[in-house]
Amino acid sequence: MSAVSISSIPTVASQLGKTTLGNKFLSLISIYRGDITKLSVDAIVNACDTKVLGGGGVDGAIHRAAGPQLLAECRTLNGCETGKAKITKGYRLPAEYVIQAVGPVGENAELLRSAYWESLEVAKKAGVRTIAFPCISTGVFGYPPEKACGVCVRAVEEWVKENPGMMERVVFCVFNDVSEQIYAREMKAFD
């Protein structure tokens, strides 16, 4: 499968028919169900553990797609604290960068919010204008998906308001129908 262009992914505003003026936040946001490793964006976020050395789930998929150079660079990072993020190159991915973000194990809204916020801060410093997030901490880390969605969407919304014009598109990349429905419901709150 070839790379998926950001231009082929509609914004939430256009999906809801809010293309005129409407909510500025919704015109920057997309929900995409599919493989994050195929997205042609400036950066994708990797939901990883504090060791930042690859693993299962999205972390393993990103490492496999990026190739062994990603693991080699990650070894130089000396890990990453929970709620923080570090940036690496994307190597064989269509994304130029991978932002290694560590979410909490279990339910901790402050640390989850911080993982999203810090990812955006790292992205801004690197000049990233388009970014894709997986559902951080909702897999083996056990954060309830509906609660996590509310935290991450609010964190991104707050960051976008505090940093106007810094991002052209933020993609919430989901893997299944249930997650897609959770994000779609959350976006309707912005109508």
Protein backbone atom coordinates (compact mmCIF):
# COMPACT_ATOMS: atom_id res chain seq x y z
CA MET A 1 0.00 0.00 0.00
CA SER A 2 1.32 3.41 -0.91
CA ALA A 3 1.44 6.51 1.27
CA VAL A 4 -1.80 8.30 2.13
CA SER A 5 -1.66 12.00 1.35
CA ILE A 6 -2.96 14.45 3.93
CA SER A 7 -4.93 16.15 1.14
CA SER A 8 -6.99 12.97 0.69
CA ILE A 9 -8.17 13.00 4.32
CA PRO A 10 -11.15 15.30 4.94
CA THR A 11 -11.29 17.60 7.93
CA VAL A 12 -13.97 17.10 10.56
CA ALA A 13 -15.42 20.49 9.55
CA SER A 14 -15.96 19.32 5.98
CA GLN A 15 -17.39 15.98 7.13
CA LEU A 16 -19.90 17.80 9.34
CA GLY A 17 -20.71 20.32 6.61
CA LYS A 18 -19.10 23.16 8.54
CA THR A 19 -16.85 24.38 5.76
CA THR A 20 -17.81 28.06 6.01
CA LEU A 21 -16.31 29.89 8.97
CA GLY A 22 -17.57 27.34 11.51
CA ASN A 23 -15.28 26.15 14.23
CA LYS A 24 -11.63 26.85 13.33
CA PHE A 25 -10.52 23.87 15.42
CA LEU A 26 -12.62 21.45 13.35
CA SER A 27 -11.07 22.81 10.15
CA LEU A 28 -7.63 21.67 11.40
CA ILE A 29 -8.69 18.23 12.65
CA SER A 30 -9.17 14.94 10.83
CA ILE A 31 -10.15 11.49 12.00
CA TYR A 32 -8.52 8.77 9.93
CA ARG A 33 -9.10 5.05 10.36
CA GLY A 34 -6.13 3.15 9.05
CA ASP A 35 -2.43 2.51 9.33
CA ILE A 36 -0.53 5.46 10.83
CA THR A 37 2.68 4.25 9.17
CA LYS A 38 1.18 5.01 5.74
CA LEU A 39 0.34 8.67 6.45
CA SER A 40 2.31 11.24 4.48
CA VAL A 41 2.47 13.93 7.17
CA ASP A 42 5.41 15.85 8.61
CA ALA A 43 5.35 13.74 11.78
CA ILE A 44 3.59 10.78 13.27
CA VAL A 45 3.44 10.22 17.01
CA ASN A 46 4.49 6.88 18.42
CA ALA A 47 2.76 5.67 21.59
CA CYS A 48 5.74 4.08 23.31
CA ASP A 49 6.96 3.12 26.76
CA THR A 50 9.67 4.92 28.74
CA LYS A 51 12.44 2.80 27.19
CA VAL A 52 11.52 4.05 23.66
CA LEU A 53 12.97 0.89 22.10
CA GLY A 54 10.01 -0.55 20.23
CA GLY A 55 7.42 -3.04 21.39
CA GLY A 56 3.97 -4.21 20.44
CA GLY A 57 0.95 -2.46 19.01
CA VAL A 58 1.46 0.83 17.21
CA ASP A 59 5.01 1.09 18.61
CA GLY A 60 6.04 -2.18 16.98
CA ALA A 61 4.30 -1.30 13.70
CA ILE A 62 6.10 2.04 13.51
CA HIS A 63 9.48 0.46 14.24
CA ARG A 64 8.92 -2.26 11.62
CA ALA A 65 7.87 0.25 8.96
CA ALA A 66 10.66 2.75 9.74
CA GLY A 67 13.39 0.13 9.72
CA PRO A 68 16.35 -0.59 12.02
CA GLN A 69 17.68 2.99 11.85
CA LEU A 70 14.78 4.13 14.05
CA LEU A 71 15.74 1.72 16.83
CA ALA A 72 19.38 2.80 16.51
CA GLU A 73 18.41 6.46 16.93
CA CYS A 74 16.02 5.64 19.79
CA ARG A 75 18.90 3.98 21.67
CA THR A 76 20.62 7.39 21.75
CA LEU A 77 17.61 9.06 23.45
CA ASN A 78 18.22 7.51 26.88
CA GLY A 79 14.52 6.81 27.27
CA CYS A 80 11.72 9.29 27.83
CA GLU A 81 9.67 10.16 30.91
CA THR A 82 5.94 9.53 31.10
CA GLY A 83 4.06 12.57 29.81
CA LYS A 84 7.03 13.72 27.71
CA ALA A 85 8.04 13.38 24.05
CA LYS A 86 11.22 13.21 21.97
CA ILE A 87 11.69 13.43 18.21
CA THR A 88 13.49 11.13 15.78
CA LYS A 89 13.74 10.86 12.02
CA GLY A 90 11.13 8.85 10.14
CA TYR A 91 13.58 6.83 8.01
CA ARG A 92 11.53 4.55 5.71
CA LEU A 93 8.20 6.07 6.73
CA PRO A 94 6.42 8.64 4.53
CA ALA A 95 6.55 10.93 7.60
CA GLU A 96 9.75 12.94 8.02
CA TYR A 97 9.69 12.54 11.81
CA VAL A 98 8.48 10.20 14.53
CA ILE A 99 7.65 11.82 17.85
CA GLN A 100 8.14 9.30 20.63
CA ALA A 101 5.45 10.05 23.24
CA VAL A 102 5.02 8.23 26.53
CA GLY A 103 1.51 8.12 27.92
CA PRO A 104 0.54 6.85 31.35
CA VAL A 105 -0.13 3.25 32.30
CA GLY A 106 -3.71 3.35 33.54
CA GLU A 107 -5.89 6.40 33.91
CA ASN A 108 -4.02 9.66 34.60
CA ALA A 109 -5.50 12.62 32.74
CA GLU A 110 -2.66 15.02 33.59
CA LEU A 111 0.05 12.72 32.20
CA LEU A 112 -2.00 11.83 29.11
CA ARG A 113 -2.68 15.51 28.41
CA SER A 114 1.03 16.20 28.85
CA ALA A 115 2.02 13.49 26.32
CA TYR A 116 -0.14 15.16 23.66
CA TRP A 117 0.92 18.69 24.62
CA GLU A 118 4.64 17.82 24.69
CA SER A 119 4.33 16.07 21.31
CA LEU A 120 2.95 19.28 19.83
CA GLU A 121 5.68 21.36 21.50
CA VAL A 122 8.42 19.08 20.09
CA ALA A 123 6.70 19.23 16.69
CA LYS A 124 6.58 23.03 16.76
CA LYS A 125 10.32 23.26 17.50
CA ALA A 126 11.02 21.00 14.49
CA GLY A 127 8.81 23.06 12.14
CA VAL A 128 6.19 20.33 11.81
CA ARG A 129 2.94 21.59 10.26
CA THR A 130 1.04 18.30 9.86
CA ILE A 131 0.96 15.63 12.56
CA ALA A 132 -0.85 12.35 13.20
CA PHE A 133 -1.58 10.91 16.64
CA PRO A 134 -2.49 7.33 17.53
CA CYS A 135 -4.72 6.68 20.54
CA ILE A 136 -2.00 7.02 23.20
CA SER A 137 -2.26 4.74 26.27
CA THR A 138 -5.53 3.05 25.22
CA GLY A 139 -4.01 -0.30 24.26
CA VAL A 140 -1.92 -2.36 26.65
CA PHE A 141 -1.50 0.73 28.88
CA GLY A 142 -5.18 0.34 29.77
CA TYR A 143 -6.55 3.90 29.59
CA PRO A 144 -10.31 3.73 28.88
CA PRO A 145 -10.67 4.88 25.23
CA GLU A 146 -13.67 7.20 25.75
CA LYS A 147 -11.99 8.99 28.64
CA ALA A 148 -8.67 9.18 26.79
CA CYS A 149 -10.36 10.69 23.74
CA GLY A 150 -11.83 13.55 25.77
CA VAL A 151 -8.45 14.31 27.35
CA CYS A 152 -6.47 14.27 24.10
CA VAL A 153 -8.96 16.28 22.06
CA ARG A 154 -9.11 18.99 24.75
CA ALA A 155 -5.30 19.05 25.02
CA VAL A 156 -4.92 19.51 21.26
CA GLU A 157 -7.66 22.14 21.18
CA GLU A 158 -5.98 24.14 23.97
CA TRP A 159 -2.58 23.87 22.29
CA VAL A 160 -3.98 25.03 18.94
CA LYS A 161 -5.63 28.04 20.62
CA GLU A 162 -2.36 28.98 22.34
CA ASN A 163 -0.34 28.46 19.15
CA PRO A 164 -2.49 29.90 16.33
CA GLY A 165 -1.28 29.16 12.83
CA MET A 166 1.39 26.69 13.94
CA MET A 167 -0.39 23.55 12.69
CA GLU A 168 -2.07 23.06 9.35
CA ARG A 169 -3.57 19.67 10.22
CA VAL A 170 -3.82 17.35 13.20
CA VAL A 171 -4.94 13.81 12.42
CA PHE A 172 -6.33 11.48 15.03
CA CYS A 173 -5.48 8.09 13.54
CA VAL A 174 -7.71 5.31 14.84
CA PHE A 175 -7.47 1.61 14.17
CA ASN A 176 -11.05 0.35 14.45
CA ASP A 177 -14.74 1.29 14.16
CA VAL A 178 -15.22 1.70 17.91
CA SER A 179 -12.41 4.26 18.22
CA GLU A 180 -13.62 6.09 15.11
CA GLN A 181 -17.10 6.38 16.63
CA ILE A 182 -15.69 7.65 19.94
CA TYR A 183 -13.73 10.40 18.16
CA ALA A 184 -16.68 11.30 15.92
CA ARG A 185 -18.92 11.72 18.99
CA GLU A 186 -16.28 13.86 20.69
CA MET A 187 -16.00 16.14 17.64
CA LYS A 188 -19.73 16.74 17.56
CA ALA A 189 -19.34 18.53 20.91
CA PHE A 190 -17.57 21.30 18.97
CA ASP A 191 -20.57 21.99 16.67
